[in-house]
């Protein structure tokens, strides 16, 4: 289960929320979806902040401050 709160909502340009998996011990992160007109189309950005990158098969858990896709 995922828990969190909406922290920004300005359709159709931005939607941001906090995000946390309720069934595992991890810190709260922020997920932001934003859009903008670009070259006659729409560019969609996904930004994830303060997430934990996991590689359980290697036992690694590393913080990610910010990732933009």
Protein backbone atom coordinates (compact mmCIF):
# COMPACT_ATOMS: atom_id res chain seq x y z
CA UNK A 1 0.00 0.00 0.00
CA UNK A 2 1.15 3.54 -0.78
CA UNK A 3 0.45 6.51 1.48
CA UNK A 4 1.01 10.21 0.92
CA UNK A 5 -0.55 13.62 0.42
CA UNK A 6 -1.09 15.87 -2.58
CA UNK A 7 1.19 18.90 -2.16
CA UNK A 8 0.68 20.69 -5.49
CA UNK A 9 -2.11 20.49 -8.07
CA UNK A 10 -2.32 22.89 -11.01
CA UNK A 11 -3.92 21.04 -13.96
CA UNK A 12 -2.68 20.39 -16.55
CA UNK A 13 0.80 21.63 -15.59
CA UNK A 14 1.74 20.08 -12.27
CA UNK A 15 0.79 17.33 -9.85
CA UNK A 16 3.02 16.62 -6.86
CA UNK A 17 2.56 14.28 -3.94
CA UNK A 18 4.47 12.66 -1.15
CA UNK A 19 4.94 8.94 -1.50
CA UNK A 20 5.76 6.17 0.93
CA UNK A 21 5.34 2.42 0.82
CA UNK A 22 3.45 1.53 3.98
CA UNK A 23 4.67 -2.04 4.16
CA UNK A 24 8.43 -1.31 4.24
CA UNK A 25 10.60 1.00 6.30
CA UNK A 26 11.63 3.79 3.94
CA UNK A 27 11.57 7.59 4.18
CA UNK A 28 8.89 9.76 2.61
CA UNK A 29 9.78 10.89 -0.92
CA UNK A 30 8.22 13.42 -3.28
CA UNK A 31 6.95 12.59 -6.77
CA UNK A 32 6.21 15.45 -9.18
CA UNK A 33 4.66 15.21 -12.64
CA UNK A 34 4.94 18.38 -14.71
CA UNK A 35 4.12 19.21 -18.31
CA UNK A 36 4.98 21.99 -20.71
CA UNK A 37 4.43 22.78 -24.36
CA UNK A 38 7.53 22.06 -26.42
CA UNK A 39 8.11 21.89 -30.18
CA UNK A 40 4.41 21.68 -30.99
CA UNK A 41 3.82 18.90 -28.48
CA UNK A 42 3.81 18.29 -24.76
CA UNK A 43 6.83 17.34 -22.67
CA UNK A 44 6.10 15.35 -19.51
CA UNK A 45 8.64 15.32 -16.67
CA UNK A 46 8.71 12.94 -13.73
CA UNK A 47 10.83 14.09 -10.79
CA UNK A 48 11.44 11.88 -7.77
CA UNK A 49 13.14 13.37 -4.71
CA UNK A 50 14.51 11.71 -1.56
CA UNK A 51 13.91 8.16 -2.78
CA UNK A 52 15.81 5.04 -1.79
CA UNK A 53 17.35 3.06 -4.63
CA UNK A 54 17.41 -0.61 -3.78
CA UNK A 55 19.28 -3.56 -5.12
CA UNK A 56 18.08 -6.24 -2.70
CA UNK A 57 19.93 -9.00 -4.52
CA UNK A 58 23.17 -7.24 -3.51
CA UNK A 59 21.96 -5.92 -0.16
CA UNK A 60 22.43 -2.30 -1.23
CA UNK A 61 20.27 0.62 -0.21
CA UNK A 62 21.39 4.05 -1.38
CA UNK A 63 19.60 7.40 -1.09
CA UNK A 64 18.74 9.30 -4.26
CA UNK A 65 18.38 13.04 -3.69
CA UNK A 66 16.77 13.84 -7.04
CA UNK A 67 16.06 11.97 -10.28
CA UNK A 68 14.39 13.52 -13.32
CA UNK A 69 12.99 11.34 -16.11
